Amino acid sequence: MQEYSSDPTSCDLWILEIGDDLEKEFETIKTVKADKGKEVFLTSSRLDPDLLIQALRAGAKEFFSQPIKKEEVKDALLKFKEHKMSVKLTQEKMRRVGKVINVMGSKGGVGTTTVAVNLATSLAQSQGSPSVVLIDMNLLFGEIPIFLT
């Protein structure tokens, strides 16, 4: 394996060939895997079971025996791409942040419930159909169900 000066965080996938210095190479793999979200594919002309076990323990996602088969690599790359896309979509969904809007009146009868219900209805009908939750904190005598019927 060649010594590279590039930062392992600059890419999402490393494809490495296992050479003679197994200890050093598997240490490099562990360093790359320590960076969350990075994947490692390995290749080697050696196929002894100990090497495969070490590769799995180091966190290699794929292992290609040499000579490398084109279809095997293509399938692995497509799986990797699909996984990355699903992770990206999940992260985008998690980034959505809601807003809390409090509507409070200084005393009863000033129209707080009317404003809250109309605000919630307007938000729900706005472009993009956002999810809206309307909570009446007057647990004993709440009137929101009456306004929504």
C-alpha atoms as a PDB file:
ATOM      1  CA  MET A   1       0.000   0.000   0.000  1.00  0.00           C
ATOM      2  CA  GLN A   2       1.320   3.439  -0.864  1.00  0.00           C
ATOM      3  CA  GLU A   3       1.569   6.183   1.707  1.00  0.00           C
ATOM      4  CA  TYR A   4      -0.876   8.979   0.886  1.00  0.00           C
ATOM      5  CA  SER A   5      -0.724  12.459   2.315  1.00  0.00           C
ATOM      6  CA  SER A   6      -4.365  13.228   1.522  1.00  0.00           C
ATOM      7  CA  ASP A   7      -6.796  13.664   4.369  1.00  0.00           C
ATOM      8  CA  PRO A   8      -9.180  10.678   4.846  1.00  0.00           C
ATOM      9  CA  THR A   9     -12.041  13.101   5.470  1.00  0.00           C
ATOM     10  CA  SER A  10     -11.825  14.439   1.913  1.00  0.00           C
ATOM     11  CA  CYS A  11     -13.636  11.464   0.374  1.00  0.00           C
ATOM     12  CA  ASP A  12     -16.494   9.103   1.202  1.00  0.00           C
ATOM     13  CA  LEU A  13     -14.990   5.884  -0.167  1.00  0.00           C
ATOM     14  CA  TRP A  14     -11.489   4.467  -0.089  1.00  0.00           C
ATOM     15  CA  ILE A  15     -10.514   1.524  -2.274  1.00  0.00           C
ATOM     16  CA  LEU A  16      -7.241   0.090  -1.033  1.00  0.00           C
ATOM     17  CA  GLU A  17      -4.983  -2.769  -2.088  1.00  0.00           C
ATOM     18  CA  ILE A  18      -3.592  -4.858   0.744  1.00  0.00           C
ATOM     19  CA  GLY A  19       0.139  -5.439   0.409  1.00  0.00           C
ATOM     20  CA  ASP A  20       2.789  -6.911   2.687  1.00  0.00           C
ATOM     21  CA  ASP A  21       2.715  -4.613   5.743  1.00  0.00           C
ATOM     22  CA  LEU A  22      -0.650  -5.797   7.110  1.00  0.00           C
ATOM     23  CA  GLU A  23      -0.329  -4.161  10.520  1.00  0.00           C
ATOM     24  CA  LYS A  24       0.300  -0.694   9.089  1.00  0.00           C
ATOM     25  CA  GLU A  25      -2.365  -1.065   6.406  1.00  0.00           C
ATOM     26  CA  PHE A  26      -5.076  -2.218   8.798  1.00  0.00           C
ATOM     27  CA  GLU A  27      -4.174   0.660  11.116  1.00  0.00           C
ATOM     28  CA  THR A  28      -4.760   3.030   8.189  1.00  0.00           C
ATOM     29  CA  ILE A  29      -8.113   1.379   7.531  1.00  0.00           C
ATOM     30  CA  LYS A  30      -9.143   1.796  11.169  1.00  0.00           C
ATOM     31  CA  THR A  31      -8.182   5.477  10.991  1.00  0.00           C
ATOM     32  CA  VAL A  32     -10.329   5.978   7.896  1.00  0.00           C
ATOM     33  CA  LYS A  33     -13.243   4.081   9.460  1.00  0.00           C
ATOM     34  CA  ALA A  34     -13.006   6.164  12.632  1.00  0.00           C
ATOM     35  CA  ASP A  35     -14.216   9.110  10.564  1.00  0.00           C
ATOM     36  CA  LYS A  36     -17.992   8.643  10.552  1.00  0.00           C
ATOM     37  CA  GLY A  37     -19.550   7.891   7.199  1.00  0.00           C
ATOM     38  CA  LYS A  38     -16.376   6.778   5.425  1.00  0.00           C
ATOM     39  CA  GLU A  39     -16.345   3.392   3.716  1.00  0.00           C
ATOM     40  CA  VAL A  40     -13.442   1.156   2.752  1.00  0.00           C
ATOM     41  CA  PHE A  41     -13.296  -1.424  -0.021  1.00  0.00           C
ATOM     42  CA  LEU A  42     -10.266  -3.712  -0.078  1.00  0.00           C
ATOM     43  CA  THR A  43      -8.581  -5.795  -2.729  1.00  0.00           C
ATOM     44  CA  SER A  44      -5.770  -8.318  -2.535  1.00  0.00           C
ATOM     45  CA  SER A  45      -4.241 -11.156  -4.465  1.00  0.00           C
ATOM     46  CA  ARG A  46      -4.026 -13.081  -1.167  1.00  0.00           C
ATOM     47  CA  LEU A  47      -7.175 -14.841  -0.036  1.00  0.00           C
ATOM     48  CA  ASP A  48      -6.220 -16.501   3.223  1.00  0.00           C
ATOM     49  CA  PRO A  49      -9.008 -16.611   5.830  1.00  0.00           C
ATOM     50  CA  ASP A  50      -7.008 -14.611   8.403  1.00  0.00           C
ATOM     51  CA  LEU A  51      -6.719 -11.705   5.966  1.00  0.00           C
ATOM     52  CA  LEU A  52     -10.470 -11.735   5.336  1.00  0.00           C
ATOM     53  CA  ILE A  53     -11.212 -11.825   9.077  1.00  0.00           C
ATOM     54  CA  GLN A  54      -8.852  -8.901   9.687  1.00  0.00           C
ATOM     55  CA  ALA A  55     -10.525  -6.972   6.865  1.00  0.00           C
ATOM     56  CA  LEU A  56     -13.944  -7.512   8.412  1.00  0.00           C
ATOM     57  CA  ARG A  57     -12.719  -6.536  11.874  1.00  0.00           C
ATOM     58  CA  ALA A  58     -11.111  -3.385  10.487  1.00  0.00           C
ATOM     59  CA  GLY A  59     -14.480  -2.398   9.015  1.00  0.00           C
ATOM     60  CA  ALA A  60     -14.037  -3.066   5.304  1.00  0.00           C
ATOM     61  CA  LYS A  61     -17.390  -3.024   3.537  1.00  0.00           C
ATOM     62  CA  GLU A  62     -16.286  -5.021   0.479  1.00  0.00           C
ATOM     63  CA  PHE A  63     -13.360  -7.284  -0.404  1.00  0.00           C
ATOM     64  CA  PHE A  64     -12.435  -7.929  -4.028  1.00  0.00           C
ATOM     65  CA  SER A  65     -10.170 -10.829  -4.892  1.00  0.00           C
ATOM     66  CA  GLN A  66      -7.676 -10.295  -7.692  1.00  0.00           C
ATOM     67  CA  PRO A  67      -8.008 -10.362 -10.613  1.00  0.00           C
ATOM     68  CA  ILE A  68     -10.860  -7.923 -10.009  1.00  0.00           C
ATOM     69  CA  LYS A  69     -14.173  -8.683 -11.687  1.00  0.00           C
ATOM     70  CA  LYS A  70     -15.788  -5.609 -13.260  1.00  0.00           C
ATOM     71  CA  GLU A  71     -19.379  -6.593 -12.386  1.00  0.00           C
ATOM     72  CA  GLU A  72     -18.487  -7.242  -8.745  1.00  0.00           C
ATOM     73  CA  VAL A  73     -17.012  -3.753  -8.370  1.00  0.00           C
ATOM     74  CA  LYS A  74     -19.895  -2.157 -10.273  1.00  0.00           C
ATOM     75  CA  ASP A  75     -22.479  -3.805  -7.978  1.00  0.00           C
ATOM     76  CA  ALA A  76     -20.568  -2.742  -4.870  1.00  0.00           C
ATOM     77  CA  LEU A  77     -20.328   0.864  -6.088  1.00  0.00           C
ATOM     78  CA  LEU A  78     -24.034   0.969  -6.906  1.00  0.00           C
ATOM     79  CA  LYS A  79     -24.856  -0.332  -3.412  1.00  0.00           C
ATOM     80  CA  PHE A  80     -22.544   2.279  -1.924  1.00  0.00           C
ATOM     81  CA  LYS A  81     -24.214   5.050  -3.948  1.00  0.00           C
ATOM     82  CA  GLU A  82     -27.722   3.937  -2.918  1.00  0.00           C
ATOM     83  CA  HIS A  83     -26.679   3.815   0.735  1.00  0.00           C
ATOM     84  CA  LYS A  84     -25.166   7.318   0.552  1.00  0.00           C
ATOM     85  CA  MET A  85     -28.326   8.709  -1.057  1.00  0.00           C
ATOM     86  CA  SER A  86     -30.578   7.166   1.609  1.00  0.00           C
ATOM     87  CA  VAL A  87     -28.341   8.534   4.377  1.00  0.00           C
ATOM     88  CA  LYS A  88     -28.426  11.982   2.763  1.00  0.00           C
ATOM     89  CA  LEU A  89     -32.229  11.936   2.536  1.00  0.00           C
ATOM     90  CA  THR A  90     -32.507  10.859   6.160  1.00  0.00           C
ATOM     91  CA  GLN A  91     -30.182  13.662   7.268  1.00  0.00           C
ATOM     92  CA  GLU A  92     -32.181  16.222   5.280  1.00  0.00           C
ATOM     93  CA  LYS A  93     -35.392  15.069   6.934  1.00  0.00           C
ATOM     94  CA  MET A  94     -33.789  15.316  10.364  1.00  0.00           C
ATOM     95  CA  ARG A  95     -32.638  18.892   9.657  1.00  0.00           C
ATOM     96  CA  ARG A  96     -36.187  20.119   9.302  1.00  0.00           C
ATOM     97  CA  VAL A  97     -36.878  22.247  12.291  1.00  0.00           C
ATOM     98  CA  GLY A  98     -40.307  23.283  13.447  1.00  0.00           C
ATOM     99  CA  LYS A  99     -41.349  26.504  15.082  1.00  0.00           C
ATOM    100  CA  VAL A 100     -43.369  27.028  18.215  1.00  0.00           C
ATOM    101  CA  ILE A 101     -45.781  29.935  18.187  1.00  0.00           C
ATOM    102  CA  ASN A 102     -47.438  30.801  21.476  1.00  0.00           C
ATOM    103  CA  VAL A 103     -50.692  32.736  21.511  1.00  0.00           C
ATOM    104  CA  MET A 104     -51.593  33.971  24.990  1.00  0.00           C
ATOM    105  CA  GLY A 105     -54.187  36.397  26.235  1.00  0.00           C
ATOM    106  CA  SER A 106     -53.924  38.593  29.295  1.00  0.00           C
ATOM    107  CA  LYS A 107     -57.412  37.569  30.439  1.00  0.00           C
ATOM    108  CA  GLY A 108     -60.368  35.526  29.270  1.00  0.00           C
ATOM    109  CA  GLY A 109     -62.562  36.757  26.422  1.00  0.00           C
ATOM    110  CA  VAL A 110     -59.962  38.709  24.438  1.00  0.00           C
ATOM    111  CA  GLY A 111     -59.980  36.371  21.389  1.00  0.00           C
ATOM    112  CA  THR A 112     -56.887  34.280  22.056  1.00  0.00           C
ATOM    113  CA  THR A 113     -58.531  31.020  20.964  1.00  0.00           C
ATOM    114  CA  THR A 114     -59.924  32.675  17.822  1.00  0.00           C
ATOM    115  CA  VAL A 115     -56.488  33.984  16.857  1.00  0.00           C
ATOM    116  CA  ALA A 116     -54.794  30.643  17.600  1.00  0.00           C
ATOM    117  CA  VAL A 117     -57.298  28.594  15.576  1.00  0.00           C
ATOM    118  CA  ASN A 118     -57.197  30.982  12.602  1.00  0.00           C
ATOM    119  CA  LEU A 119     -53.402  31.109  12.693  1.00  0.00           C
ATOM    120  CA  ALA A 120     -53.150  27.296  12.777  1.00  0.00           C
ATOM    121  CA  THR A 121     -55.665  26.982   9.922  1.00  0.00           C
ATOM    122  CA  SER A 122     -53.801  29.539   7.799  1.00  0.00           C
ATOM    123  CA  LEU A 123     -50.471  27.792   8.401  1.00  0.00           C
ATOM    124  CA  ALA A 124     -51.946  24.401   7.501  1.00  0.00           C
ATOM    125  CA  GLN A 125     -53.322  25.810   4.222  1.00  0.00           C
ATOM    126  CA  SER A 126     -50.097  27.599   3.281  1.00  0.00           C
ATOM    127  CA  GLN A 127     -47.831  26.518   0.432  1.00  0.00           C
ATOM    128  CA  GLY A 128     -46.023  23.221   1.023  1.00  0.00           C
ATOM    129  CA  SER A 129     -48.700  21.843   3.360  1.00  0.00           C
ATOM    130  CA  PRO A 130     -46.684  21.967   6.569  1.00  0.00           C
ATOM    131  CA  SER A 131     -47.704  19.889   9.559  1.00  0.00           C
ATOM    132  CA  VAL A 132     -49.422  22.000  12.190  1.00  0.00           C
ATOM    133  CA  VAL A 133     -50.209  21.058  15.770  1.00  0.00           C
ATOM    134  CA  LEU A 134     -52.669  23.130  17.787  1.00  0.00           C
ATOM    135  CA  ILE A 135     -52.638  22.598  21.544  1.00  0.00           C
ATOM    136  CA  ASP A 136     -55.065  24.197  23.957  1.00  0.00           C
ATOM    137  CA  MET A 137     -53.284  24.566  27.268  1.00  0.00           C
ATOM    138  CA  ASN A 138     -56.577  25.141  29.070  1.00  0.00           C
ATOM    139  CA  LEU A 139     -56.897  21.447  29.862  1.00  0.00           C
ATOM    140  CA  LEU A 140     -60.052  21.824  31.940  1.00  0.00           C
ATOM    141  CA  PHE A 141     -62.164  24.161  29.794  1.00  0.00           C
ATOM    142  CA  GLY A 142     -60.414  24.190  26.393  1.00  0.00           C
ATOM    143  CA  GLU A 143     -62.545  25.532  23.535  1.00  0.00           C
ATOM    144  CA  ILE A 144     -60.512  24.615  20.439  1.00  0.00           C
ATOM    145  CA  PRO A 145     -62.711  21.581  19.590  1.00  0.00           C
ATOM    146  CA  ILE A 146     -65.740  23.890  19.480  1.00  0.00           C
ATOM    147  CA  PHE A 147     -63.954  26.268  17.075  1.00  0.00           C
ATOM    148  CA  LEU A 148     -62.893  23.431  14.772  1.00  0.00           C
ATOM    149  CA  THR A 149     -66.354  21.876  14.314  1.00  0.00           C
END
